[in-house]
Amino acid sequence: MKTISIFILLIYWSIMIFAPVISKDVKMSRAKINNTKIVELKPRS
């Protein structure tokens, strides 16, 4: 039982630590996609 609780705590803390990093990466990738879309639309219009 102790090993399972320690394992769950490790997963929980890894999520808590990496969630902001992953969200920043997602925001950066979304910003890059938006920038490329804007660049592609400008010559057409």
PDB file of N, CA and C in Angstrom:
ATOM      1  N   MET A   1       0.834  -1.211   0.000  1.00  0.00           N
ATOM      2  CA  MET A   1       0.000   0.000   0.000  1.00  0.00           C
ATOM      3  C   MET A   1       0.872   1.266   0.000  1.00  0.00           C
ATOM      4  N   LYS A   2       1.957   1.251   0.742  1.00  0.00           N
ATOM      5  CA  LYS A   2       2.838   2.423   0.791  1.00  0.00           C
ATOM      6  C   LYS A   2       3.461   2.689  -0.576  1.00  0.00           C
ATOM      7  N   THR A   3       3.886   1.610  -1.257  1.00  0.00           N
ATOM      8  CA  THR A   3       4.525   1.797  -2.564  1.00  0.00           C
ATOM      9  C   THR A   3       3.540   2.411  -3.554  1.00  0.00           C
ATOM     10  N   ILE A   4       2.275   1.997  -3.505  1.00  0.00           N
ATOM     11  CA  ILE A   4       1.255   2.543  -4.416  1.00  0.00           C
ATOM     12  C   ILE A   4       1.030   4.023  -4.115  1.00  0.00           C
ATOM     13  N   SER A   5       0.943   4.378  -2.838  1.00  0.00           N
ATOM     14  CA  SER A   5       0.711   5.783  -2.479  1.00  0.00           C
ATOM     15  C   SER A   5       1.905   6.647  -2.888  1.00  0.00           C
ATOM     16  N   ILE A   6       3.125   6.131  -2.715  1.00  0.00           N
ATOM     17  CA  ILE A   6       4.322   6.876  -3.137  1.00  0.00           C
ATOM     18  C   ILE A   6       4.309   7.058  -4.654  1.00  0.00           C
ATOM     19  N   PHE A   7       3.944   6.007  -5.388  1.00  0.00           N
ATOM     20  CA  PHE A   7       3.876   6.073  -6.845  1.00  0.00           C
ATOM     21  C   PHE A   7       2.853   7.127  -7.289  1.00  0.00           C
ATOM     22  N   ILE A   8       1.685   7.143  -6.642  1.00  0.00           N
ATOM     23  CA  ILE A   8       0.643   8.128  -6.974  1.00  0.00           C
ATOM     24  C   ILE A   8       1.129   9.540  -6.667  1.00  0.00           C
ATOM     25  N   LEU A   9       1.812   9.715  -5.551  1.00  0.00           N
ATOM     26  CA  LEU A   9       2.351  11.032  -5.198  1.00  0.00           C
ATOM     27  C   LEU A   9       3.379  11.486  -6.225  1.00  0.00           C
ATOM     28  N   LEU A  10       4.228  10.574  -6.684  1.00  0.00           N
ATOM     29  CA  LEU A  10       5.231  10.923  -7.700  1.00  0.00           C
ATOM     30  C   LEU A  10       4.546  11.387  -8.989  1.00  0.00           C
ATOM     31  N   ILE A  11       3.517  10.673  -9.415  1.00  0.00           N
ATOM     32  CA  ILE A  11       2.778  11.059 -10.622  1.00  0.00           C
ATOM     33  C   ILE A  11       2.133  12.431 -10.417  1.00  0.00           C
ATOM     34  N   TYR A  12       1.515  12.629  -9.238  1.00  0.00           N
ATOM     35  CA  TYR A  12       0.840  13.895  -8.935  1.00  0.00           C
ATOM     36  C   TYR A  12       1.814  15.066  -8.991  1.00  0.00           C
ATOM     37  N   TRP A  13       2.977  14.924  -8.339  1.00  0.00           N
ATOM     38  CA  TRP A  13       3.932  16.023  -8.302  1.00  0.00           C
ATOM     39  C   TRP A  13       4.551  16.266  -9.667  1.00  0.00           C
ATOM     40  N   SER A  14       4.769  15.199 -10.443  1.00  0.00           N
ATOM     41  CA  SER A  14       5.321  15.395 -11.790  1.00  0.00           C
ATOM     42  C   SER A  14       4.326  16.159 -12.656  1.00  0.00           C
ATOM     43  N   ILE A  15       3.040  15.868 -12.510  1.00  0.00           N
ATOM     44  CA  ILE A  15       2.013  16.614 -13.251  1.00  0.00           C
ATOM     45  C   ILE A  15       1.995  18.071 -12.799  1.00  0.00           C
ATOM     46  N   MET A  16       2.049  18.302 -11.493  1.00  0.00           N
ATOM     47  CA  MET A  16       2.012  19.669 -10.957  1.00  0.00           C
ATOM     48  C   MET A  16       3.223  20.481 -11.429  1.00  0.00           C
ATOM     49  N   ILE A  17       4.382  19.796 -11.568  1.00  0.00           N
ATOM     50  CA  ILE A  17       5.602  20.507 -11.986  1.00  0.00           C
ATOM     51  C   ILE A  17       5.583  20.746 -13.495  1.00  0.00           C
ATOM     52  N   PHE A  18       5.164  19.738 -14.278  1.00  0.00           N
ATOM     53  CA  PHE A  18       5.282  19.831 -15.727  1.00  0.00           C
ATOM     54  C   PHE A  18       4.085  20.484 -16.403  1.00  0.00           C
ATOM     55  N   ALA A  19       2.933  20.597 -15.726  1.00  0.00           N
ATOM     56  CA  ALA A  19       1.743  21.193 -16.344  1.00  0.00           C
ATOM     57  C   ALA A  19       1.991  22.628 -16.812  1.00  0.00           C
ATOM     58  N   PRO A  20       2.593  23.528 -16.020  1.00  0.00           N
ATOM     59  CA  PRO A  20       2.856  24.892 -16.505  1.00  0.00           C
ATOM     60  C   PRO A  20       3.812  24.913 -17.688  1.00  0.00           C
ATOM     61  N   VAL A  21       4.815  24.033 -17.668  1.00  0.00           N
ATOM     62  CA  VAL A  21       5.788  23.971 -18.769  1.00  0.00           C
ATOM     63  C   VAL A  21       5.093  23.538 -20.051  1.00  0.00           C
ATOM     64  N   ILE A  22       4.245  22.515 -19.944  1.00  0.00           N
ATOM     65  CA  ILE A  22       3.530  22.013 -21.122  1.00  0.00           C
ATOM     66  C   ILE A  22       2.562  23.082 -21.640  1.00  0.00           C
ATOM     67  N   SER A  23       1.869  23.774 -20.739  1.00  0.00           N
ATOM     68  CA  SER A  23       0.929  24.811 -21.166  1.00  0.00           C
ATOM     69  C   SER A  23       1.663  25.950 -21.867  1.00  0.00           C
ATOM     70  N   LYS A  24       2.867  26.304 -21.400  1.00  0.00           N
ATOM     71  CA  LYS A  24       3.667  27.334 -22.075  1.00  0.00           C
ATOM     72  C   LYS A  24       4.038  26.871 -23.475  1.00  0.00           C
ATOM     73  N   ASP A  25       4.446  25.596 -23.618  1.00  0.00           N
ATOM     74  CA  ASP A  25       4.806  25.066 -24.924  1.00  0.00           C
ATOM     75  C   ASP A  25       3.599  25.088 -25.862  1.00  0.00           C
ATOM     76  N   VAL A  26       2.428  24.748 -25.348  1.00  0.00           N
ATOM     77  CA  VAL A  26       1.211  24.747 -26.170  1.00  0.00           C
ATOM     78  C   VAL A  26       0.888  26.172 -26.609  1.00  0.00           C
ATOM     79  N   LYS A  27       1.010  27.131 -25.698  1.00  0.00           N
ATOM     80  CA  LYS A  27       0.743  28.528 -26.047  1.00  0.00           C
ATOM     81  C   LYS A  27       1.716  29.022 -27.107  1.00  0.00           C
ATOM     82  N   MET A  28       2.999  28.657 -26.970  1.00  0.00           N
ATOM     83  CA  MET A  28       4.004  29.060 -27.953  1.00  0.00           C
ATOM     84  C   MET A  28       3.695  28.456 -29.317  1.00  0.00           C
ATOM     85  N   SER A  29       3.332  27.176 -29.348  1.00  0.00           N
ATOM     86  CA  SER A  29       3.026  26.528 -30.626  1.00  0.00           C
ATOM     87  C   SER A  29       1.773  27.139 -31.244  1.00  0.00           C
ATOM     88  N   ARG A  30       0.770  27.469 -30.423  1.00  0.00           N
ATOM     89  CA  ARG A  30      -0.440  28.120 -30.945  1.00  0.00           C
ATOM     90  C   ARG A  30      -0.105  29.498 -31.512  1.00  0.00           C
ATOM     91  N   ALA A  31       0.752  30.238 -30.834  1.00  0.00           N
ATOM     92  CA  ALA A  31       1.148  31.556 -31.314  1.00  0.00           C
ATOM     93  C   ALA A  31       1.884  31.421 -32.652  1.00  0.00           C
ATOM     94  N   LYS A  32       2.749  30.428 -32.766  1.00  0.00           N
ATOM     95  CA  LYS A  32       3.470  30.207 -34.031  1.00  0.00           C
ATOM     96  C   LYS A  32       2.487  29.873 -35.154  1.00  0.00           C
ATOM     97  N   ILE A  33       1.504  29.019 -34.860  1.00  0.00           N
ATOM     98  CA  ILE A  33       0.505  28.646 -35.870  1.00  0.00           C
ATOM     99  C   ILE A  33      -0.293  29.882 -36.286  1.00  0.00           C
ATOM    100  N   ASN A  34      -0.685  30.708 -35.320  1.00  0.00           N
ATOM    101  CA  ASN A  34      -1.444  31.917 -35.628  1.00  0.00           C
ATOM    102  C   ASN A  34      -0.613  32.878 -36.479  1.00  0.00           C
ATOM    103  N   ASN A  35       0.668  33.011 -36.161  1.00  0.00           N
ATOM    104  CA  ASN A  35       1.542  33.896 -36.931  1.00  0.00           C
ATOM    105  C   ASN A  35       1.673  33.406 -38.373  1.00  0.00           C
ATOM    106  N   THR A  36       1.834  32.106 -38.574  1.00  0.00           N
ATOM    107  CA  THR A  36       1.967  31.574 -39.929  1.00  0.00           C
ATOM    108  C   THR A  36       0.661  31.771 -40.702  1.00  0.00           C
ATOM    109  N   LYS A  37      -0.486  31.611 -40.038  1.00  0.00           N
ATOM    110  CA  LYS A  37      -1.767  31.822 -40.702  1.00  0.00           C
ATOM    111  C   LYS A  37      -1.907  33.292 -41.132  1.00  0.00           C
ATOM    112  N   ILE A  38      -1.521  34.214 -40.268  1.00  0.00           N
ATOM    113  CA  ILE A  38      -1.604  35.639 -40.588  1.00  0.00           C
ATOM    114  C   ILE A  38      -0.691  35.955 -41.779  1.00  0.00           C
ATOM    115  N   VAL A  39       0.505  35.387 -41.764  1.00  0.00           N
ATOM    116  CA  VAL A  39       1.469  35.632 -42.846  1.00  0.00           C
ATOM    117  C   VAL A  39       0.935  35.079 -44.169  1.00  0.00           C
ATOM    118  N   GLU A  40       0.298  33.909 -44.096  1.00  0.00           N
ATOM    119  CA  GLU A  40      -0.251  33.304 -45.313  1.00  0.00           C
ATOM    120  C   GLU A  40      -1.445  34.101 -45.851  1.00  0.00           C
ATOM    121  N   LEU A  41      -2.248  34.689 -44.967  1.00  0.00           N
ATOM    122  CA  LEU A  41      -3.445  35.411 -45.406  1.00  0.00           C
ATOM    123  C   LEU A  41      -3.116  36.806 -45.959  1.00  0.00           C
ATOM    124  N   LYS A  42      -2.053  37.433 -45.497  1.00  0.00           N
ATOM    125  CA  LYS A  42      -1.737  38.800 -45.932  1.00  0.00           C
ATOM    126  C   LYS A  42      -1.516  38.918 -47.450  1.00  0.00           C
ATOM    127  N   PRO A  43      -0.724  38.050 -48.079  1.00  0.00           N
ATOM    128  CA  PRO A  43      -0.518  38.206 -49.535  1.00  0.00           C
ATOM    129  C   PRO A  43      -1.801  38.017 -50.334  1.00  0.00           C
ATOM    130  N   ARG A  44      -2.711  37.144 -49.868  1.00  0.00           N
ATOM    131  CA  ARG A  44      -3.961  36.904 -50.587  1.00  0.00           C
ATOM    132  C   ARG A  44      -4.852  38.131 -50.580  1.00  0.00           C
ATOM    133  N   SER A  45      -4.909  38.815 -49.446  1.00  0.00           N
ATOM    134  CA  SER A  45      -5.804  39.970 -49.339  1.00  0.00           C
ATOM    135  C   SER A  45      -5.067  41.235 -49.787  1.00  0.00           C
TER     136      SER A  45
END
